[in-house]
C-alpha atoms as a PDB file:
ATOM      1  CA  MET A   1      -0.303  -0.117   0.165  1.00  0.00           C
ATOM      2  CA  GLU A   2       1.049   3.457  -1.069  1.00  0.00           C
ATOM      3  CA  PRO A   3       1.968   6.095   1.944  1.00  0.00           C
ATOM      4  CA  GLN A   4      -0.971   8.410   2.260  1.00  0.00           C
ATOM      5  CA  ASN A   5       0.447  11.310   4.475  1.00  0.00           C
ATOM      6  CA  ILE A   6       3.978  12.628   3.484  1.00  0.00           C
ATOM      7  CA  ARG A   7       5.290  15.613   5.110  1.00  0.00           C
ATOM      8  CA  LEU A   8       8.859  17.053   4.559  1.00  0.00           C
ATOM      9  CA  PHE A   9      10.259  19.639   6.923  1.00  0.00           C
ATOM     10  CA  VAL A  10      12.790  21.696   5.124  1.00  0.00           C
ATOM     11  CA  LYS A  11      14.994  24.528   5.999  1.00  0.00           C
ATOM     12  CA  THR A  12      15.750  27.700   3.578  1.00  0.00           C
ATOM     13  CA  GLY A  13      19.138  27.403   2.078  1.00  0.00           C
ATOM     14  CA  CYS A  14      19.178  23.543   3.274  1.00  0.00           C
ATOM     15  CA  GLY A  15      21.460  21.732   0.526  1.00  0.00           C
ATOM     16  CA  TRP A  16      20.321  18.276   2.080  1.00  0.00           C
ATOM     17  CA  CYS A  17      16.477  19.279   1.954  1.00  0.00           C
ATOM     18  CA  ASP A  18      16.910  20.478  -1.774  1.00  0.00           C
ATOM     19  CA  ALA A  19      18.255  16.701  -2.486  1.00  0.00           C
ATOM     20  CA  ALA A  20      15.497  15.266  -0.702  1.00  0.00           C
ATOM     21  CA  GLU A  21      12.911  17.316  -2.797  1.00  0.00           C
ATOM     22  CA  GLU A  22      14.752  16.191  -5.866  1.00  0.00           C
ATOM     23  CA  TRP A  23      14.533  12.487  -4.857  1.00  0.00           C
ATOM     24  CA  LEU A  24      10.817  12.882  -3.895  1.00  0.00           C
ATOM     25  CA  ALA A  25       9.947  14.790  -7.265  1.00  0.00           C
ATOM     26  CA  GLU A  26      12.272  12.004  -9.400  1.00  0.00           C
ATOM     27  CA  HIS A  27       9.792   9.274  -7.850  1.00  0.00           C
ATOM     28  CA  ASP A  28       6.855  11.380  -8.362  1.00  0.00           C
ATOM     29  CA  ILE A  29       5.805  11.281  -4.756  1.00  0.00           C
ATOM     30  CA  LYS A  30       3.265  13.574  -3.559  1.00  0.00           C
ATOM     31  CA  TYR A  31       4.284  15.328  -0.128  1.00  0.00           C
ATOM     32  CA  ALA A  32       3.458  18.594   1.962  1.00  0.00           C
ATOM     33  CA  THR A  33       6.484  20.612   2.492  1.00  0.00           C
ATOM     34  CA  ILE A  34       6.879  22.682   5.697  1.00  0.00           C
ATOM     35  CA  ASN A  35       9.674  25.129   5.693  1.00  0.00           C
ATOM     36  CA  VAL A  36      10.371  25.810   9.603  1.00  0.00           C
ATOM     37  CA  SER A  37      12.903  28.534   8.808  1.00  0.00           C
ATOM     38  CA  HIS A  38      10.430  31.263   9.693  1.00  0.00           C
ATOM     39  CA  ASP A  39       7.667  29.553  11.892  1.00  0.00           C
ATOM     40  CA  ALA A  40       8.498  28.569  15.212  1.00  0.00           C
ATOM     41  CA  LYS A  41       5.614  26.170  15.453  1.00  0.00           C
ATOM     42  CA  SER A  42       6.417  23.897  12.713  1.00  0.00           C
ATOM     43  CA  PHE A  43      10.005  24.224  14.028  1.00  0.00           C
ATOM     44  CA  ARG A  44       8.650  22.948  17.255  1.00  0.00           C
ATOM     45  CA  GLU A  45       6.811  20.341  15.708  1.00  0.00           C
ATOM     46  CA  MET A  46       9.882  18.949  13.645  1.00  0.00           C
ATOM     47  CA  GLN A  47      12.011  19.018  16.983  1.00  0.00           C
ATOM     48  CA  GLU A  48       9.533  16.974  18.799  1.00  0.00           C
ATOM     49  CA  LEU A  49       8.947  14.649  16.045  1.00  0.00           C
ATOM     50  CA  SER A  50      12.742  14.015  15.491  1.00  0.00           C
ATOM     51  CA  GLY A  51      14.195  14.800  18.825  1.00  0.00           C
ATOM     52  CA  GLN A  52      16.688  17.253  16.858  1.00  0.00           C
ATOM     53  CA  THR A  53      16.991  20.723  15.241  1.00  0.00           C
ATOM     54  CA  ARG A  54      18.610  19.455  11.993  1.00  0.00           C
ATOM     55  CA  ALA A  55      16.698  19.135   8.611  1.00  0.00           C
ATOM     56  CA  PRO A  56      15.231  17.703   6.574  1.00  0.00           C
ATOM     57  CA  VAL A  57      13.011  15.514   8.655  1.00  0.00           C
ATOM     58  CA  ILE A  58      10.187  13.471   6.869  1.00  0.00           C
ATOM     59  CA  GLU A  59       7.506  11.943   8.371  1.00  0.00           C
ATOM     60  CA  ILE A  60       5.471   9.286   6.313  1.00  0.00           C
ATOM     61  CA  ASP A  61       2.353   8.065   7.966  1.00  0.00           C
ATOM     62  CA  GLY A  62       3.798   8.623  11.079  1.00  0.00           C
ATOM     63  CA  GLU A  63       7.184   7.303  10.591  1.00  0.00           C
ATOM     64  CA  ILE A  64       9.905   9.404  10.995  1.00  0.00           C
ATOM     65  CA  LEU A  65      13.379  10.017   9.312  1.00  0.00           C
ATOM     66  CA  ALA A  66      15.502  12.597  10.388  1.00  0.00           C
ATOM     67  CA  ASP A  67      18.778  14.424   9.226  1.00  0.00           C
ATOM     68  CA  PHE A  68      19.262  12.034   5.806  1.00  0.00           C
ATOM     69  CA  GLY A  69      20.586  12.491   2.445  1.00  0.00           C
ATOM     70  CA  PRO A  70      18.794  10.844  -0.726  1.00  0.00           C
ATOM     71  CA  GLU A  71      20.481   7.326   0.095  1.00  0.00           C
ATOM     72  CA  GLU A  72      18.792   7.043   3.393  1.00  0.00           C
ATOM     73  CA  LEU A  73      15.571   8.147   2.177  1.00  0.00           C
ATOM     74  CA  GLU A  74      15.758   5.823  -0.692  1.00  0.00           C
ATOM     75  CA  GLU A  75      16.602   3.014   1.947  1.00  0.00           C
ATOM     76  CA  PHE A  76      13.695   4.473   4.321  1.00  0.00           C
ATOM     77  CA  TRP A  77      11.213   4.320   1.327  1.00  0.00           C
ATOM     78  CA  GLN A  78      11.927   0.824   0.276  1.00  0.00           C
ATOM     79  CA  GLU A  79      11.418  -0.174   4.153  1.00  0.00           C
ATOM     80  CA  LEU A  80       8.062   1.574   4.511  1.00  0.00           C
ATOM     81  CA  THR A  81       6.731   0.291   0.743  1.00  0.00           C
ATOM     82  CA  GLY A  82       8.184  -3.217   0.552  1.00  0.00           C
ATOM     83  CA  GLY A  83      10.126  -1.880  -2.153  1.00  0.00           C
ATOM     84  CA  LYS A  84       7.928  -0.162  -4.258  1.00  0.00           C
END
């Protein structure tokens, strides 16, 4: 089953965040982007979910991956989707 709720927490000027967005776009994955750079409430939510202040953080149907690159994102996606 394909994930239903995907949120990507990013910061302005974050190269890792840009790489995560590129990976998601290349795989035609729909997601919501939440920029925490100027939104204290979203920043706190990201911190509570991930236990840290670094971005990117992705939440996929309640599962969290924090401070990652494209390789880790691909592995996380494969684990959650059974290789799809």
